[in-house]
Amino acid sequence: MPKLIDLLQSTEKAVFVVRDLIINAAKENLSKGGKYGSYNASGSLNDSIKPINIEDTKGVISAGIQMNQYGEFLDKGVSGIKKKYKTEYKYTTKMPPAKSLDKWIVRRGIAPRDDKGRFIPRKNVAWMIANGIFKNGIKPTLFLTKPFLKYTKNMEQDIALAFGEDVQEYVKILFKEQK
């Protein structure tokens, strides 16, 4: 006699469809970005968003999404020492490393000039941006949270219907075996 867990194909599909919709919408939100363009200058965050394989443990079907840790900071935001956001992340005593902003500055084409028209050294620009982030934080973009909330709102109904189809198929198999 087959186990019900082995016949949950419709339920698995329903979970995967929701997960994939969330991933696609999150990647689209990253590409669109906000006021200043894409949130993803290098494309590495977009490339890092991937589905996690299904895990069956005691009949529980689960699927997840993985991404670079930076994505969580970008999604939920980070409170600065002056500007506060409703988030679990905050700067308290240490600034973000200016060195890590160097490549981002180049990709964005940020090259400010001083009063005499000379370019400001990139190290100084990186330090100024890091100091600004330290003070003002990073505003939440909700690039992943919004699609997650949107697509999981009706997820219970979809999964219940899919589970009903799987149970119906299981019952058919049981009746065939008893004949």
Protein backbone atom coordinates (compact mmCIF):
# COMPACT_ATOMS: atom_id res chain seq x y z
CA MET A 1 0.00 0.00 0.00
CA PRO A 2 1.52 3.38 -0.99
CA LYS A 3 1.99 6.08 1.59
CA LEU A 4 0.10 9.34 1.19
CA ILE A 5 3.38 11.28 1.40
CA ASP A 6 4.51 9.58 -1.82
CA LEU A 7 1.42 10.83 -3.70
CA LEU A 8 1.50 14.53 -2.82
CA GLN A 9 2.39 15.66 -6.33
CA SER A 10 -0.35 18.31 -6.66
CA THR A 11 0.51 19.74 -3.26
CA GLU A 12 4.21 19.90 -4.15
CA LYS A 13 3.36 21.67 -7.42
CA ALA A 14 1.21 24.22 -5.57
CA VAL A 15 4.03 24.98 -3.12
CA PHE A 16 6.59 25.23 -5.94
CA VAL A 17 4.37 27.52 -8.00
CA VAL A 18 3.98 29.96 -5.10
CA ARG A 19 7.70 29.85 -4.35
CA ASP A 20 8.62 30.47 -7.99
CA LEU A 21 6.14 33.36 -8.27
CA ILE A 22 7.76 34.97 -5.21
CA ILE A 23 11.27 34.52 -6.65
CA ASN A 24 10.32 35.96 -10.05
CA ALA A 25 8.58 38.98 -8.51
CA ALA A 26 11.52 39.62 -6.15
CA LYS A 27 14.00 39.53 -9.04
CA GLU A 28 11.77 41.89 -11.02
CA ASN A 29 11.58 44.29 -8.07
CA LEU A 30 15.37 44.22 -7.75
CA SER A 31 15.79 45.06 -11.42
CA LYS A 32 13.23 47.88 -11.36
CA GLY A 33 14.72 49.33 -8.23
CA GLY A 34 13.59 52.60 -6.85
CA LYS A 35 14.13 56.29 -7.32
CA TYR A 36 17.79 55.90 -8.35
CA GLY A 37 17.51 52.80 -10.54
CA SER A 38 18.18 49.14 -9.89
CA TYR A 39 18.84 47.94 -6.34
CA ASN A 40 21.22 45.41 -7.81
CA ALA A 41 24.16 47.17 -9.47
CA SER A 42 26.33 44.09 -10.00
CA GLY A 43 23.60 41.51 -10.55
CA SER A 44 25.09 39.20 -7.92
CA LEU A 45 22.11 39.52 -5.56
CA ASN A 46 19.71 38.72 -8.38
CA ASP A 47 21.81 35.67 -9.31
CA SER A 48 21.94 34.50 -5.70
CA ILE A 49 18.15 34.25 -5.29
CA LYS A 50 17.42 30.56 -5.77
CA PRO A 51 14.82 28.03 -4.65
CA ILE A 52 15.74 25.56 -1.92
CA ASN A 53 14.82 21.97 -2.68
CA ILE A 54 11.82 20.38 -1.04
CA GLU A 55 12.36 18.60 2.25
CA ASP A 56 10.03 15.79 3.30
CA THR A 57 10.21 15.11 7.02
CA LYS A 58 7.31 13.34 8.68
CA GLY A 59 4.91 14.37 5.94
CA VAL A 60 5.77 18.07 5.93
CA ILE A 61 6.34 19.66 2.56
CA SER A 62 8.53 22.73 2.65
CA ALA A 63 10.21 24.90 0.09
CA GLY A 64 12.36 27.94 0.61
CA ILE A 65 14.35 30.73 -0.97
CA GLN A 66 18.02 31.45 -0.46
CA MET A 67 20.00 34.58 -1.31
CA ASN A 68 23.10 36.53 -0.30
CA GLN A 69 22.90 37.88 3.22
CA TYR A 70 23.04 41.42 1.87
CA GLY A 71 19.60 40.82 0.36
CA GLU A 72 18.06 40.60 3.81
CA PHE A 73 19.53 43.98 4.77
CA LEU A 74 18.31 45.51 1.53
CA ASP A 75 14.83 44.01 1.94
CA LYS A 76 14.28 44.81 5.62
CA GLY A 77 16.48 47.90 5.86
CA VAL A 78 18.99 48.92 8.51
CA SER A 79 18.50 51.68 11.07
CA GLY A 80 21.21 54.31 11.27
CA ILE A 81 22.27 56.21 14.36
CA LYS A 82 20.14 59.23 13.38
CA LYS A 83 17.40 57.86 11.12
CA LYS A 84 15.45 54.92 12.52
CA TYR A 85 13.49 52.28 10.61
CA LYS A 86 11.30 49.50 11.95
CA THR A 87 13.79 46.69 11.44
CA GLU A 88 15.78 44.19 13.44
CA TYR A 89 19.05 45.48 11.97
CA LYS A 90 20.78 48.64 13.13
CA TYR A 91 24.12 50.37 13.24
CA THR A 92 25.23 51.19 16.76
CA THR A 93 28.99 51.64 16.97
CA LYS A 94 30.60 50.49 13.71
CA MET A 95 30.33 52.00 10.25
CA PRO A 96 29.96 49.75 7.22
CA PRO A 97 33.39 49.17 5.66
CA ALA A 98 34.12 51.88 3.09
CA LYS A 99 36.31 49.45 1.14
CA SER A 100 33.28 47.32 0.27
CA LEU A 101 31.62 50.31 -1.41
CA ASP A 102 34.49 50.93 -3.85
CA LYS A 103 33.28 48.68 -6.69
CA TRP A 104 29.69 49.86 -6.18
CA ILE A 105 30.85 53.48 -6.62
CA VAL A 106 32.56 52.59 -9.89
CA ARG A 107 29.51 50.66 -11.20
CA ARG A 108 27.21 53.55 -10.37
CA GLY A 109 29.54 56.07 -11.99
CA ILE A 110 29.76 58.22 -8.87
CA ALA A 111 32.61 60.68 -9.38
CA PRO A 112 31.93 63.95 -7.55
CA ARG A 113 34.15 66.99 -7.92
CA ASP A 114 35.32 69.54 -5.38
CA ASP A 115 34.90 73.33 -5.63
CA LYS A 116 37.88 73.62 -7.96
CA GLY A 117 36.50 71.00 -10.37
CA ARG A 118 38.94 68.24 -9.36
CA PHE A 119 37.67 64.70 -8.82
CA ILE A 120 37.37 63.70 -5.17
CA PRO A 121 39.43 60.54 -4.49
CA ARG A 122 37.33 57.37 -4.50
CA LYS A 123 38.48 56.45 -0.98
CA ASN A 124 37.05 59.71 0.30
CA VAL A 125 33.81 59.20 -1.61
CA ALA A 126 33.53 55.66 -0.21
CA TRP A 127 34.08 56.98 3.31
CA MET A 128 31.44 59.70 2.85
CA ILE A 129 28.88 57.16 1.59
CA ALA A 130 29.72 54.72 4.42
CA ASN A 131 29.34 57.55 6.93
CA GLY A 132 25.98 58.47 5.37
CA ILE A 133 24.80 54.87 5.62
CA PHE A 134 25.99 54.71 9.24
CA LYS A 135 24.03 57.84 10.14
CA ASN A 136 20.94 57.41 7.96
CA GLY A 137 20.79 53.64 7.59
CA ILE A 138 19.40 51.77 4.61
CA LYS A 139 15.73 52.33 3.81
CA PRO A 140 13.75 49.07 3.53
CA THR A 141 13.04 48.17 -0.10
CA LEU A 142 10.73 45.21 0.63
CA PHE A 143 11.73 43.71 -2.74
CA LEU A 144 11.12 40.20 -1.33
CA THR A 145 8.64 40.90 1.47
CA LYS A 146 5.95 42.40 -0.78
CA PRO A 147 5.81 39.46 -3.22
CA PHE A 148 5.94 37.03 -0.30
CA LEU A 149 2.92 38.64 1.36
CA LYS A 150 1.09 38.95 -1.96
CA TYR A 151 1.48 35.33 -3.02
CA THR A 152 1.12 33.65 0.38
CA LYS A 153 -2.14 35.48 1.17
CA ASN A 154 -4.24 32.91 -0.74
CA MET A 155 -1.74 30.10 -0.49
CA GLU A 156 -3.78 28.17 2.10
CA GLN A 157 -6.70 27.75 -0.30
CA ASP A 158 -4.49 26.68 -3.21
CA ILE A 159 -2.63 24.13 -1.11
CA ALA A 160 -5.84 22.84 0.45
CA LEU A 161 -7.31 22.24 -3.02
CA ALA A 162 -4.12 20.55 -4.21
CA PHE A 163 -4.01 18.41 -1.07
CA GLY A 164 -7.64 17.46 -1.65
CA GLU A 165 -6.74 16.26 -5.15
CA ASP A 166 -3.86 14.20 -3.74
CA VAL A 167 -6.06 12.62 -1.05
CA GLN A 168 -8.71 11.84 -3.67
CA GLU A 169 -6.08 10.09 -5.79
CA TYR A 170 -4.84 8.19 -2.71
CA VAL A 171 -8.37 6.98 -1.91
CA LYS A 172 -8.83 5.80 -5.52
CA ILE A 173 -5.64 3.75 -5.25
CA LEU A 174 -6.74 2.26 -1.92
CA PHE A 175 -10.09 1.15 -3.37
CA LYS A 176 -8.38 -0.41 -6.41
CA GLU A 177 -6.07 -2.41 -4.11
CA GLN A 178 -8.96 -3.72 -1.99
CA LYS A 179 -10.80 -5.16 -4.99
